[in-house]
């Protein structure tokens, strides 16, 4: 029996694992195979696992998996481990025995980590620099045997809702730093995106890396660490590259693309709603999200429709159009990609829900964009204040530290950096902000433009608001109900309408979130409006409380207006309703 100290037995262990892998790869079945697999199950703990441990320790040459490979290590040792573990999944008793092995998670995470940080272990190195001898193709690293493939299966098996068992292992391998976990995840994903145009055989690699990204993003502290490393942008780029692939002839290959698309969008939807969601939505639209979603249509036919692309058209993108930066990006995207969008529309399945969702979204976009007037028709300017160029072709590159500013050239970025952006950006500072779940500051100018949408929405809903207030007054028995309250919650689309009075109304999450509670209590006590003089003139003599807000968890961002009357309104309910109607018609 091998032990961890039997370094001299490394060559034998390597050969033994090769033989074991070859056996497990055989597709034949029968009693003999089952009996052999049962023997492997019985031998795993005392004999097979020590081989793997011995090779791992020798390859890493340390007691912990944090150091890169020494010069005398061979990639084939790690290949053997990955291949053997991969094929165990075909036989459930053995697969269960393997995945229950103490130390398996650190092994898989170590492989995943080292493939990202050690050039000698870069699985794509053989693509760019194949060995210079006869059977070089045999030496290319098989797509199925990358660490991400094993890791995503392991993560899914051991994932629980609150406390995943593997979280401490990720932190241990990455020096206890969640940002390091995010960095390694993005290294894997960027490599997969880079090589996907080489051929559809790289799709499995991308799928595995996206799957790891998606599973990690469901848990603290990894969710914000992935955002800090621009996860939403790289996921958008992955989607754009996947839907550009040629339509395969084989149905199972179409299914593979379909699965990959779904996996990407299921990550994108919550991440675009999270920390800095407004910024990421703007950047995703600029990168080409709209035509990419339309291209999804051709991979749906014959497989069954999915709600994933539809979610972005129906739920996320419409509500983000209250923000001028997103509206401008969408208007520019419609212009830049006009011919491509027209071509894709002509090819879409007109009976599919994705087509209907797209048509409905276009109507919403048309209405929203019209409210911003000329501001959305003028492209954003280069962030170098000394430059006058406009981003008419959506080719400006964002600052990769903050992703807030964008430039027409490297020269302009350098000038902006020296002129002061250096002190405001500080890449590590932005990483830390996002790691803490903090979004970019919300400029007053954004609030000003968003209130235009708010005013439009309250006017178009005047009858509904009035009837709702009538019901509220009829139910309220208090002699002093307080000032009327109107709330449009832009965290959903269509915005959720609520009415009431300051004495009784409490916003959603008032009891659960301290930030919401503090905001509302201060708003009720305030003596003047912070924004929008136009609204102040409407409501000054009446005392209507107005609040429209957008929630971007975990940081809450609000768009608010609150007007207090010059004198207390002590009139009866009937005149009150008349005044409400006049205000709504204003």
Protein backbone atom coordinates (compact mmCIF):
# COMPACT_ATOMS: atom_id res chain seq x y z
CA UNK A 1 0.00 0.00 0.00
CA UNK A 2 1.29 3.48 -0.86
CA UNK A 3 1.59 6.16 1.77
CA UNK A 4 2.15 9.87 1.41
CA UNK A 5 5.81 9.46 2.18
CA UNK A 6 6.51 7.03 -0.65
CA UNK A 7 8.01 9.61 -3.00
CA UNK A 8 10.07 6.94 -4.74
CA UNK A 9 6.88 5.26 -5.88
CA UNK A 10 5.72 8.30 -7.87
CA UNK A 11 6.35 6.73 -11.31
CA UNK A 12 4.42 3.59 -10.30
CA UNK A 13 1.58 5.67 -8.94
CA UNK A 14 1.43 7.62 -12.18
CA UNK A 15 1.30 4.45 -14.28
CA UNK A 16 -1.29 2.92 -11.98
CA UNK A 17 -3.56 5.92 -12.34
CA UNK A 18 -3.13 5.85 -16.12
CA UNK A 19 -4.22 2.21 -16.14
CA UNK A 20 -7.14 2.95 -13.83
CA UNK A 21 -8.27 5.84 -16.01
CA UNK A 22 -8.04 3.72 -19.15
CA UNK A 23 -10.20 1.06 -17.51
CA UNK A 24 -12.82 3.52 -16.32
CA UNK A 25 -13.04 5.04 -19.81
CA UNK A 26 -14.22 1.76 -21.29
CA UNK A 27 -17.88 1.94 -22.28
CA UNK A 28 -18.52 -1.81 -22.01
CA UNK A 29 -20.76 -3.03 -19.24
CA UNK A 30 -21.45 -6.33 -17.60
CA UNK A 31 -20.78 -8.32 -14.48
CA UNK A 32 -16.99 -8.25 -14.84
CA UNK A 33 -16.92 -4.49 -15.05
CA UNK A 34 -19.26 -4.13 -12.09
CA UNK A 35 -17.14 -6.48 -10.01
CA UNK A 36 -13.99 -4.57 -10.93
CA UNK A 37 -15.60 -1.27 -9.98
CA UNK A 38 -16.71 -2.74 -6.66
CA UNK A 39 -13.10 -3.71 -5.98
CA UNK A 40 -12.05 -0.13 -6.73
CA UNK A 41 -14.70 1.15 -4.31
CA UNK A 42 -13.37 -1.14 -1.58
CA UNK A 43 -9.77 -0.15 -2.32
CA UNK A 44 -10.31 3.56 -2.68
CA UNK A 45 -9.75 4.78 0.86
CA UNK A 46 -6.66 2.74 1.75
CA UNK A 47 -4.98 2.38 -1.63
CA UNK A 48 -6.17 4.59 -4.50
CA UNK A 49 -6.58 7.86 -2.64
CA UNK A 50 -3.06 7.64 -1.14
CA UNK A 51 -1.71 7.41 -4.72
CA UNK A 52 -3.44 10.63 -5.62
CA UNK A 53 -2.38 12.32 -2.40
CA UNK A 54 1.19 11.19 -2.99
CA UNK A 55 1.25 12.64 -6.51
CA UNK A 56 -0.37 15.87 -5.39
CA UNK A 57 2.10 16.38 -2.57
CA UNK A 58 5.02 15.61 -4.84
CA UNK A 59 3.74 17.90 -7.58
CA UNK A 60 3.11 20.77 -5.21
CA UNK A 61 6.18 19.93 -3.12
CA UNK A 62 4.59 21.55 -0.08
CA UNK A 63 2.13 20.65 2.66
CA UNK A 64 -0.41 23.20 1.46
CA UNK A 65 -1.63 23.82 -2.09
CA UNK A 66 -0.65 27.48 -2.25
CA UNK A 67 2.68 27.30 -4.10
CA UNK A 68 3.21 26.75 -7.84
CA UNK A 69 4.80 23.69 -9.36
CA UNK A 70 8.59 23.16 -9.01
CA UNK A 71 10.69 22.64 -12.13
CA UNK A 72 10.80 18.85 -11.86
CA UNK A 73 7.03 18.45 -11.67
CA UNK A 74 5.14 17.02 -14.64
CA UNK A 75 1.76 18.15 -15.87
CA UNK A 76 0.88 14.52 -16.51
CA UNK A 77 0.59 13.83 -12.79
CA UNK A 78 -2.16 16.38 -12.46
CA UNK A 79 -3.72 15.15 -15.71
CA UNK A 80 -3.98 11.70 -14.21
CA UNK A 81 -5.77 12.99 -11.15
CA UNK A 82 -8.26 15.04 -13.14
CA UNK A 83 -8.95 12.29 -15.66
CA UNK A 84 -9.46 9.65 -12.99
CA UNK A 85 -11.78 11.80 -10.91
CA UNK A 86 -13.75 12.86 -13.98
CA UNK A 87 -14.54 9.31 -15.02
CA UNK A 88 -15.60 8.21 -11.56
CA UNK A 89 -18.94 9.94 -12.10
CA UNK A 90 -20.11 7.11 -14.39
CA UNK A 91 -20.38 4.66 -11.51
CA UNK A 92 -22.45 6.01 -8.63
CA UNK A 93 -21.00 3.99 -5.72
CA UNK A 94 -17.46 4.94 -6.72
CA UNK A 95 -18.43 8.53 -7.47
CA UNK A 96 -20.03 8.82 -4.03
CA UNK A 97 -16.96 7.32 -2.41
CA UNK A 98 -14.73 9.80 -4.23
CA UNK A 99 -16.76 12.92 -3.50
CA UNK A 100 -17.06 12.03 0.17
CA UNK A 101 -13.28 11.80 0.48
CA UNK A 102 -11.80 14.18 3.01
CA UNK A 103 -9.45 16.50 1.18
CA UNK A 104 -11.11 16.32 -2.24
CA UNK A 105 -12.37 19.92 -2.18
CA UNK A 106 -8.92 21.41 -1.45
CA UNK A 107 -7.50 19.23 -4.24
CA UNK A 108 -10.01 20.41 -6.86
CA UNK A 109 -9.82 24.04 -5.76
CA UNK A 110 -6.02 23.86 -5.76
CA UNK A 111 -6.02 22.58 -9.33
CA UNK A 112 -8.43 25.35 -10.32
CA UNK A 113 -6.29 27.97 -8.58
CA UNK A 114 -2.98 26.76 -10.01
CA UNK A 115 -4.32 26.52 -13.56
CA UNK A 116 -5.08 30.25 -13.31
CA UNK A 117 -1.90 31.55 -11.67
CA UNK A 118 0.88 29.21 -12.84
CA UNK A 119 1.92 29.58 -16.52
CA UNK A 120 3.19 25.98 -16.51
CA UNK A 121 -0.32 24.80 -15.71
CA UNK A 122 -2.24 27.05 -18.10
CA UNK A 123 -4.46 24.50 -19.91
CA UNK A 124 -4.58 26.77 -22.96
CA UNK A 125 -0.81 26.93 -23.32
CA UNK A 126 -0.88 23.84 -25.54
CA UNK A 127 -3.29 25.59 -27.90
CA UNK A 128 -0.90 28.47 -28.52
CA UNK A 129 2.33 26.43 -28.25
CA UNK A 130 1.74 22.76 -29.12
CA UNK A 131 4.67 20.38 -28.47
CA UNK A 132 7.08 20.08 -31.39
CA UNK A 133 6.90 16.38 -32.04
CA UNK A 134 4.93 13.80 -33.97
CA UNK A 135 1.87 13.15 -31.82
CA UNK A 136 1.39 16.70 -30.62
CA UNK A 137 -2.41 16.52 -30.80
CA UNK A 138 -2.41 13.75 -28.20
CA UNK A 139 -0.77 16.14 -25.77
CA UNK A 140 -3.46 18.79 -25.95
CA UNK A 141 -5.30 19.00 -22.69
CA UNK A 142 -8.72 17.30 -23.15
CA UNK A 143 -11.58 19.82 -22.68
CA UNK A 144 -13.46 17.54 -20.29
CA UNK A 145 -10.51 17.28 -17.94
CA UNK A 146 -10.13 20.91 -16.94
CA UNK A 147 -10.44 21.57 -13.24
CA UNK A 148 -13.51 23.80 -13.77
CA UNK A 149 -15.47 20.80 -15.08
CA UNK A 150 -14.85 18.81 -11.94
CA UNK A 151 -15.20 21.81 -9.69
CA UNK A 152 -18.60 22.93 -10.92
CA UNK A 153 -19.98 19.40 -10.45
CA UNK A 154 -18.56 19.28 -6.95
CA UNK A 155 -19.92 22.73 -6.05
CA UNK A 156 -23.41 21.85 -7.23
CA UNK A 157 -23.42 18.60 -5.27
CA UNK A 158 -22.31 20.23 -2.04
CA UNK A 159 -24.26 23.47 -2.36
CA UNK A 160 -26.71 24.27 0.42
CA UNK A 161 -28.82 27.38 0.79
CA UNK A 162 -27.12 29.12 3.71
CA UNK A 163 -23.68 27.72 4.43
CA UNK A 164 -21.92 25.93 1.54
CA UNK A 165 -19.43 23.36 2.83
CA UNK A 166 -16.82 24.36 0.28
CA UNK A 167 -16.62 28.09 1.06
CA UNK A 168 -13.81 27.79 3.66
CA UNK A 169 -11.74 25.73 1.21
CA UNK A 170 -11.88 28.49 -1.42
CA UNK A 171 -10.76 31.05 1.12
CA UNK A 172 -8.00 28.81 2.42
CA UNK A 173 -6.55 28.19 -1.03
CA UNK A 174 -6.81 31.90 -1.90
CA UNK A 175 -5.09 33.21 1.25
CA UNK A 176 -8.41 34.03 2.90
CA UNK A 177 -9.12 36.79 0.38
CA UNK A 178 -12.54 36.79 -1.39
CA UNK A 179 -11.16 39.22 -3.97
CA UNK A 180 -8.54 36.63 -4.87
CA UNK A 181 -11.33 34.11 -5.48
CA UNK A 182 -13.01 36.64 -7.77
CA UNK A 183 -9.75 37.29 -9.62
CA UNK A 184 -9.08 33.59 -10.26
CA UNK A 185 -12.67 33.06 -11.43
CA UNK A 186 -12.29 35.88 -13.97
CA UNK A 187 -8.92 34.57 -15.21
CA UNK A 188 -10.58 31.26 -16.10
CA UNK A 189 -13.57 32.98 -17.72
CA UNK A 190 -11.48 35.41 -19.77
CA UNK A 191 -9.40 32.53 -21.15
CA UNK A 192 -12.51 30.64 -22.16
CA UNK A 193 -13.96 33.70 -23.91
CA UNK A 194 -10.67 34.31 -25.72
CA UNK A 195 -10.52 30.81 -27.22
CA UNK A 196 -14.23 30.26 -27.93
CA UNK A 197 -13.96 31.67 -31.50
CA UNK A 198 -11.39 28.92 -32.19
CA UNK A 199 -14.22 26.38 -32.31
CA UNK A 200 -17.29 24.99 -30.55
CA UNK A 201 -15.14 22.37 -28.80
CA UNK A 202 -14.21 25.13 -26.36
CA UNK A 203 -17.86 25.69 -25.41
CA UNK A 204 -17.72 23.07 -22.65
CA UNK A 205 -14.86 24.95 -21.02
CA UNK A 206 -16.78 28.21 -21.11
CA UNK A 207 -19.90 26.53 -19.73
CA UNK A 208 -17.95 25.11 -16.79
CA UNK A 209 -16.35 28.46 -16.00
CA UNK A 210 -19.69 30.27 -16.19
CA UNK A 211 -21.22 27.60 -13.96
CA UNK A 212 -18.52 28.11 -11.33
CA UNK A 213 -19.12 31.87 -11.56
CA UNK A 214 -22.86 31.39 -11.12
CA UNK A 215 -22.61 29.05 -8.13
CA UNK A 216 -20.05 31.22 -6.35
CA UNK A 217 -22.16 34.34 -6.92
CA UNK A 218 -25.00 32.89 -4.85
CA UNK A 219 -22.98 33.13 -1.64
CA UNK A 220 -21.27 35.72 0.51
CA UNK A 221 -18.54 36.82 0.44
CA UNK A 222 -18.04 35.72 -3.17
CA UNK A 223 -21.00 37.54 -4.77
CA UNK A 224 -19.59 41.04 -4.30
CA UNK A 225 -16.02 39.88 -4.95
CA UNK A 226 -17.07 38.74 -8.43
CA UNK A 227 -18.78 42.08 -9.07
CA UNK A 228 -15.63 43.87 -7.90
CA UNK A 229 -13.78 42.04 -10.70
CA UNK A 230 -16.37 43.14 -13.29
CA UNK A 231 -18.19 39.80 -13.48
CA UNK A 232 -21.31 41.25 -15.20
CA UNK A 233 -19.22 42.69 -18.04
CA UNK A 234 -17.31 39.47 -18.69
CA UNK A 235 -20.54 37.46 -18.56
CA UNK A 236 -22.01 39.82 -21.18
CA UNK A 237 -18.95 39.34 -23.37
CA UNK A 238 -19.31 35.57 -22.97
CA UNK A 239 -22.94 35.72 -24.14
CA UNK A 240 -21.99 37.82 -27.17
CA UNK A 241 -19.35 35.28 -28.24
CA UNK A 242 -21.55 32.21 -27.63
CA UNK A 243 -24.47 33.43 -29.75
CA UNK A 244 -22.07 34.24 -32.61
CA UNK A 245 -21.22 30.53 -33.01
CA UNK A 246 -22.36 28.79 -36.16
CA UNK A 247 -25.54 26.79 -35.82
CA UNK A 248 -24.42 23.17 -35.25
CA UNK A 249 -25.92 20.35 -37.29
CA UNK A 250 -26.19 17.97 -34.35
CA UNK A 251 -29.04 18.48 -31.91
CA UNK A 252 -26.92 17.74 -28.84
CA UNK A 253 -24.49 20.50 -29.88
CA UNK A 254 -27.39 22.95 -30.19
CA UNK A 255 -28.47 21.90 -26.71
CA UNK A 256 -24.96 22.60 -25.42
CA UNK A 257 -25.11 26.18 -26.72
CA UNK A 258 -28.62 26.55 -25.30
CA UNK A 259 -27.42 25.43 -21.83
CA UNK A 260 -24.50 27.83 -21.96
CA UNK A 261 -26.76 30.75 -22.91
CA UNK A 262 -29.15 29.95 -20.08
CA UNK A 263 -26.30 29.69 -17.58
CA UNK A 264 -24.91 33.09 -18.58
CA UNK A 265 -28.27 34.86 -18.38
CA UNK A 266 -29.16 33.28 -15.04
CA UNK A 267 -25.99 34.90 -13.72
CA UNK A 268 -26.56 38.21 -15.52
CA UNK A 269 -30.09 38.83 -14.32
CA UNK A 270 -29.38 39.09 -10.56
CA UNK A 271 -25.92 40.62 -11.04
CA UNK A 272 -27.33 43.48 -13.13
CA UNK A 273 -29.83 44.07 -10.32
CA UNK A 274 -27.17 44.09 -7.61
CA UNK A 275 -24.32 46.35 -6.58
CA UNK A 276 -23.68 49.01 -9.23
CA UNK A 277 -26.47 47.47 -11.29
CA UNK A 278 -27.21 50.73 -13.13
CA UNK A 279 -23.58 51.02 -14.20
CA UNK A 280 -23.31 47.37 -15.30
CA UNK A 281 -26.58 47.57 -17.23
CA UNK A 282 -25.30 50.62 -19.10
CA UNK A 283 -21.98 48.91 -19.90
CA UNK A 284 -23.69 45.67 -20.94
CA UNK A 285 -25.96 47.54 -23.37
CA UNK A 286 -22.96 49.42 -24.77
CA UNK A 287 -21.10 46.12 -25.23
CA UNK A 288 -23.91 44.70 -27.41
CA UNK A 289 -26.36 43.01 -25.02
CA UNK A 290 -29.46 43.82 -27.13
CA UNK A 291 -28.43 42.09 -30.41
CA UNK A 292 -26.93 39.23 -28.35
CA UNK A 293 -30.31 38.58 -26.71
CA UNK A 294 -32.01 38.59 -30.12
CA UNK A 295 -29.48 36.06 -31.41
CA UNK A 296 -30.57 33.68 -28.63
CA UNK A 297 -33.77 33.01 -30.59
CA UNK A 298 -32.18 30.65 -33.12
CA UNK A 299 -30.88 28.34 -30.38
CA UNK A 300 -34.34 27.97 -28.79
CA UNK A 301 -36.21 26.35 -31.65
CA UNK A 302 -36.89 22.67 -31.12
CA UNK A 303 -35.53 22.72 -27.57
CA UNK A 304 -38.33 24.49 -25.80
CA UNK A 305 -38.65 28.13 -24.95
CA UNK A 306 -36.83 29.52 -21.95
CA UNK A 307 -37.72 32.44 -19.75
CA UNK A 308 -34.07 33.48 -19.37
CA UNK A 309 -33.63 35.99 -22.26
CA UNK A 310 -37.24 37.08 -21.76
CA UNK A 311 -36.50 38.07 -18.14
CA UNK A 312 -34.08 40.77 -19.27
CA UNK A 313 -36.50 42.19 -21.84
CA UNK A 314 -39.57 42.12 -19.60
CA UNK A 315 -38.26 42.64 -16.07
CA UNK A 316 -34.80 44.17 -15.90
CA UNK A 317 -34.14 46.46 -18.85
CA UNK A 318 -37.51 48.33 -18.76
CA UNK A 319 -37.15 49.39 -15.14
CA UNK A 320 -33.56 50.55 -15.67
CA UNK A 321 -34.74 52.99 -18.34
CA UNK A 322 -35.65 55.46 -15.61
CA UNK A 323 -31.92 56.28 -15.52
CA UNK A 324 -30.50 58.61 -18.14
CA UNK A 325 -27.20 56.72 -18.51
CA UNK A 326 -29.01 53.49 -19.40
CA UNK A 327 -31.43 55.34 -21.69
CA UNK A 328 -28.56 57.01 -23.55
CA UNK A 329 -26.72 53.70 -23.93
CA UNK A 330 -29.86 52.03 -25.30
CA UNK A 331 -30.52 54.86 -27.77
CA UNK A 332 -26.93 54.62 -29.00
CA UNK A 333 -27.15 50.84 -29.26
CA UNK A 334 -30.32 51.09 -31.37
CA UNK A 335 -28.43 53.39 -33.77
CA UNK A 336 -25.11 51.54 -33.91
CA UNK A 337 -26.70 48.09 -34.27
CA UNK A 338 -29.71 49.20 -36.35
CA UNK A 339 -28.95 47.05 -39.40
CA UNK A 340 -28.00 44.02 -37.29
CA UNK A 341 -31.16 44.31 -35.18
CA UNK A 342 -33.30 44.63 -38.32
CA UNK A 343 -31.68 41.53 -39.82
CA UNK A 344 -32.18 39.53 -36.61
CA UNK A 345 -35.82 40.60 -36.32
CA UNK A 346 -36.46 39.23 -39.79
CA UNK A 347 -35.15 35.82 -38.77
CA UNK A 348 -36.85 35.52 -35.36
CA UNK A 349 -39.67 33.10 -34.67
CA UNK A 350 -42.73 35.36 -34.61
CA UNK A 351 -44.71 32.82 -32.57
CA UNK A 352 -42.15 32.63 -29.77
CA UNK A 353 -42.45 34.45 -26.45
CA UNK A 354 -39.02 36.02 -27.00
CA UNK A 355 -40.37 37.85 -30.06
CA UNK A 356 -43.39 39.13 -28.13
CA UNK A 357 -41.16 40.19 -25.25
CA UNK A 358 -38.89 42.06 -27.65
CA UNK A 359 -41.79 43.92 -29.30
CA UNK A 360 -43.19 44.91 -25.89
CA UNK A 361 -39.75 46.09 -24.77
CA UNK A 362 -39.36 48.25 -27.86
CA UNK A 363 -42.62 50.01 -27.03
CA UNK A 364 -41.49 50.65 -23.46
CA UNK A 365 -38.12 51.89 -24.70
CA UNK A 366 -39.76 54.22 -27.22
CA UNK A 367 -41.91 55.79 -24.51
CA UNK A 368 -39.06 56.12 -22.01
CA UNK A 369 -36.56 57.51 -24.52
CA UNK A 370 -39.05 60.15 -25.66
CA UNK A 371 -39.15 61.55 -22.11
CA UNK A 372 -35.45 62.34 -22.12
CA UNK A 373 -35.60 64.32 -25.36
CA UNK A 374 -32.34 65.31 -27.01
CA UNK A 375 -30.19 64.15 -24.11
CA UNK A 376 -30.35 60.51 -25.20
CA UNK A 377 -29.78 61.37 -28.84
CA UNK A 378 -26.42 62.94 -28.10
CA UNK A 379 -23.73 60.33 -27.50
CA UNK A 380 -21.75 60.40 -24.27
CA UNK A 381 -18.55 62.41 -24.47
CA UNK A 382 -15.01 61.21 -23.80
CA UNK A 383 -14.31 61.49 -20.07
CA UNK A 384 -11.20 63.53 -20.79
CA UNK A 385 -12.53 67.05 -20.24
CA UNK A 386 -10.07 68.40 -22.79
CA UNK A 387 -11.50 66.16 -25.53
CA UNK A 388 -14.70 66.85 -27.47
CA UNK A 389 -15.17 63.46 -29.16
CA UNK A 390 -18.51 61.66 -28.81
CA UNK A 391 -18.99 57.92 -28.43
CA UNK A 392 -21.17 57.63 -31.53
CA UNK A 393 -19.95 54.12 -32.38
CA UNK A 394 -19.92 52.70 -28.82
CA UNK A 395 -16.21 51.93 -29.13
CA UNK A 396 -14.93 53.99 -26.18
CA UNK A 397 -13.10 51.88 -23.61
CA UNK A 398 -14.07 52.20 -19.93
CA UNK A 399 -11.57 52.72 -17.15
CA UNK A 400 -10.94 49.18 -15.93
CA UNK A 401 -10.48 50.40 -12.38
CA UNK A 402 -13.88 51.97 -11.77
CA UNK A 403 -15.76 51.30 -15.05
CA UNK A 404 -17.49 54.66 -14.53
CA UNK A 405 -15.51 56.80 -17.00
CA UNK A 406 -14.75 55.93 -20.63
CA UNK A 407 -12.27 57.25 -23.17
CA UNK A 408 -11.83 57.50 -26.91
CA UNK A 409 -8.11 56.64 -26.70
CA UNK A 410 -5.31 55.58 -24.38
CA UNK A 411 -3.89 59.09 -24.66
CA UNK A 412 -7.11 60.65 -23.34
CA UNK A 413 -7.25 58.15 -20.50
CA UNK A 414 -3.68 59.04 -19.51
CA UNK A 415 -4.47 62.78 -19.53
CA UNK A 416 -7.60 62.21 -17.42
CA UNK A 417 -5.60 60.06 -15.00
CA UNK A 418 -3.02 62.78 -14.47
CA UNK A 419 -5.69 65.49 -14.26
CA UNK A 420 -7.27 63.96 -11.18
CA UNK A 421 -8.98 60.66 -11.96
CA UNK A 422 -6.06 58.89 -10.32
CA UNK A 423 -7.14 60.12 -6.89
CA UNK A 424 -10.84 59.40 -7.51
CA UNK A 425 -10.50 55.99 -9.16
CA UNK A 426 -7.92 54.02 -7.19
CA UNK A 427 -8.73 50.55 -8.50
CA UNK A 428 -8.31 48.87 -5.12
CA UNK A 429 -10.65 51.41 -3.56
CA UNK A 430 -13.37 50.52 -6.07
CA UNK A 431 -12.76 46.82 -5.51
CA UNK A 432 -13.22 47.32 -1.79
CA UNK A 433 -16.38 49.40 -2.24
CA UNK A 434 -17.96 46.72 -4.38
CA UNK A 435 -16.74 43.97 -2.06
CA UNK A 436 -18.68 45.77 0.68
CA UNK A 437 -21.77 45.92 -1.53
CA UNK A 438 -21.53 49.66 -2.16
CA UNK A 439 -22.58 51.18 -5.46
CA UNK A 440 -21.18 54.18 -7.27
CA UNK A 441 -22.45 57.57 -6.03
CA UNK A 442 -25.82 58.55 -7.47
CA UNK A 443 -25.49 62.05 -9.02
CA UNK A 444 -28.21 64.66 -8.49
CA UNK A 445 -28.36 65.09 -12.27
CA UNK A 446 -29.55 61.48 -12.56
CA UNK A 447 -32.28 62.19 -10.03
CA UNK A 448 -33.37 65.25 -12.01
CA UNK A 449 -33.80 63.23 -15.21
CA UNK A 450 -35.41 60.29 -13.44
CA UNK A 451 -38.07 62.54 -11.94
CA UNK A 452 -39.16 63.37 -15.50
CA UNK A 453 -40.09 59.72 -15.86
CA UNK A 454 -41.71 59.79 -12.43
CA UNK A 455 -43.88 62.80 -13.36
CA UNK A 456 -44.94 61.12 -16.58
CA UNK A 457 -45.89 57.92 -14.76
CA UNK A 458 -47.94 59.64 -12.07
CA UNK A 459 -49.88 61.61 -14.69
CA UNK A 460 -50.65 58.57 -16.83
CA UNK A 461 -51.90 56.76 -13.70
CA UNK A 462 -53.98 59.66 -12.39
CA UNK A 463 -57.34 57.81 -12.39
CA UNK A 464 -55.86 54.75 -10.71
CA UNK A 465 -54.11 56.85 -8.05
CA UNK A 466 -57.26 58.83 -7.32
CA UNK A 467 -59.44 55.75 -6.89
CA UNK A 468 -56.79 54.20 -4.64
CA UNK A 469 -56.73 57.31 -2.43
CA UNK A 470 -60.52 57.27 -2.18
CA UNK A 471 -60.35 53.73 -0.82
CA UNK A 472 -57.59 54.72 1.61
CA UNK A 473 -59.62 57.65 2.94
CA UNK A 474 -62.74 55.53 3.32
CA UNK A 475 -60.82 52.97 5.39
CA UNK A 476 -58.95 55.52 7.51
CA UNK A 477 -60.81 56.39 10.70
CA UNK A 478 -58.13 58.69 12.10
CA UNK A 479 -59.23 62.34 12.53
CA UNK A 480 -55.74 63.38 11.38
CA UNK A 481 -54.51 60.90 8.76
CA UNK A 482 -51.54 63.07 7.84
CA UNK A 483 -50.45 64.06 4.37
CA UNK A 484 -51.28 61.94 1.32
CA UNK A 485 -48.52 59.63 0.13
CA UNK A 486 -47.90 58.38 -3.39
CA UNK A 487 -45.16 55.83 -4.03
CA UNK A 488 -44.01 54.36 -7.34
CA UNK A 489 -41.47 51.61 -6.72
CA UNK A 490 -39.08 51.39 -9.68
CA UNK A 491 -37.49 48.22 -8.42
CA UNK A 492 -40.01 46.39 -10.62
CA UNK A 493 -41.56 46.92 -14.01
CA UNK A 494 -44.20 48.18 -14.35
CA UNK A 495 -43.50 50.35 -11.29
CA UNK A 496 -45.48 49.20 -8.27
CA UNK A 497 -48.02 51.79 -7.15
CA UNK A 498 -48.84 52.40 -3.48
CA UNK A 499 -50.91 55.14 -1.84
CA UNK A 500 -51.75 56.06 1.72
CA UNK A 501 -51.14 58.69 4.40
CA UNK A 502 -48.10 59.53 6.47
CA UNK A 503 -49.80 58.36 9.67
CA UNK A 504 -50.27 54.80 8.42
CA UNK A 505 -48.18 54.11 5.32
CA UNK A 506 -44.84 52.32 5.62
CA UNK A 507 -42.70 51.40 2.60
CA UNK A 508 -41.72 47.87 1.73
CA UNK A 509 -38.93 46.52 3.96
CA UNK A 510 -39.53 49.28 6.53
CA UNK A 511 -39.44 46.77 9.38
CA UNK A 512 -36.61 44.66 7.95
CA UNK A 513 -34.07 47.17 6.61
CA UNK A 514 -32.59 49.86 8.84
CA UNK A 515 -31.62 51.95 5.80
CA UNK A 516 -35.23 52.02 4.57
CA UNK A 517 -36.55 52.80 8.03
CA UNK A 518 -34.09 55.69 8.55
CA UNK A 519 -34.79 57.10 5.10
CA UNK A 520 -38.57 57.07 5.52
CA UNK A 521 -38.59 58.52 9.04
CA UNK A 522 -36.36 61.38 7.92
CA UNK A 523 -38.52 61.94 4.86
CA UNK A 524 -41.70 62.21 6.91
CA UNK A 525 -40.04 64.71 9.26
CA UNK A 526 -38.42 66.85 6.55
CA UNK A 527 -39.54 70.46 6.11
CA UNK A 528 -38.70 71.06 2.48
CA UNK A 529 -38.02 69.27 -0.76
CA UNK A 530 -34.45 68.37 -1.66
CA UNK A 531 -35.12 68.21 -5.39
CA UNK A 532 -37.26 69.43 -8.22
CA UNK A 533 -38.61 72.97 -7.92
CA UNK A 534 -41.26 72.17 -10.51
CA UNK A 535 -42.86 69.63 -8.20
CA UNK A 536 -42.50 72.01 -5.27
CA UNK A 537 -44.70 74.52 -7.09
CA UNK A 538 -47.30 71.82 -7.74
CA UNK A 539 -47.53 70.58 -4.19
CA UNK A 540 -46.45 73.48 -2.00
CA UNK A 541 -49.95 74.57 -1.04
CA UNK A 542 -51.35 71.11 -0.80
CA UNK A 543 -48.88 68.94 1.04
CA UNK A 544 -48.79 65.83 -1.08
CA UNK A 545 -45.97 63.48 -0.15
CA UNK A 546 -44.41 61.97 -3.24
CA UNK A 547 -41.76 59.27 -3.33
CA UNK A 548 -40.48 57.29 -6.26
CA UNK A 549 -37.50 55.10 -5.57
CA UNK A 550 -35.26 52.47 -7.03
CA UNK A 551 -33.72 49.85 -4.77
CA UNK A 552 -30.33 48.42 -5.68
CA UNK A 553 -29.50 45.90 -2.98
CA UNK A 554 -27.61 45.79 -0.76
CA UNK A 555 -27.24 49.57 -1.01
CA UNK A 556 -30.53 51.44 -1.23
CA UNK A 557 -30.77 54.28 -3.73
CA UNK A 558 -33.81 56.52 -3.76
CA UNK A 559 -35.39 59.07 -6.04
CA UNK A 560 -37.60 61.17 -3.79
CA UNK A 561 -39.76 64.25 -3.57
CA UNK A 562 -41.58 65.25 -0.45
CA UNK A 563 -43.59 68.43 -0.11
CA UNK A 564 -44.86 69.92 3.14
CA UNK A 565 -47.74 72.44 3.09
CA UNK A 566 -47.35 75.97 4.41
CA UNK A 567 -50.20 75.26 6.80
CA UNK A 568 -51.84 72.09 8.07
CA UNK A 569 -54.57 70.76 5.83
CA UNK A 570 -57.56 70.21 8.11
CA UNK A 571 -60.24 70.15 5.46
CA UNK A 572 -62.80 67.40 5.07
CA UNK A 573 -62.29 64.38 2.87
CA UNK A 574 -64.45 65.60 -0.01
CA UNK A 575 -62.41 68.76 -0.78
CA UNK A 576 -59.29 66.70 -0.24
CA UNK A 577 -60.23 64.38 -3.09
CA UNK A 578 -60.95 67.36 -5.32
CA UNK A 579 -57.51 68.80 -4.63
CA UNK A 580 -55.90 65.43 -5.24
CA UNK A 581 -57.53 65.27 -8.64
CA UNK A 582 -56.29 68.77 -9.54
CA UNK A 583 -52.75 67.96 -8.51
CA UNK A 584 -52.71 64.75 -10.52
CA UNK A 585 -53.93 66.59 -13.60
CA UNK A 586 -51.18 69.21 -13.27
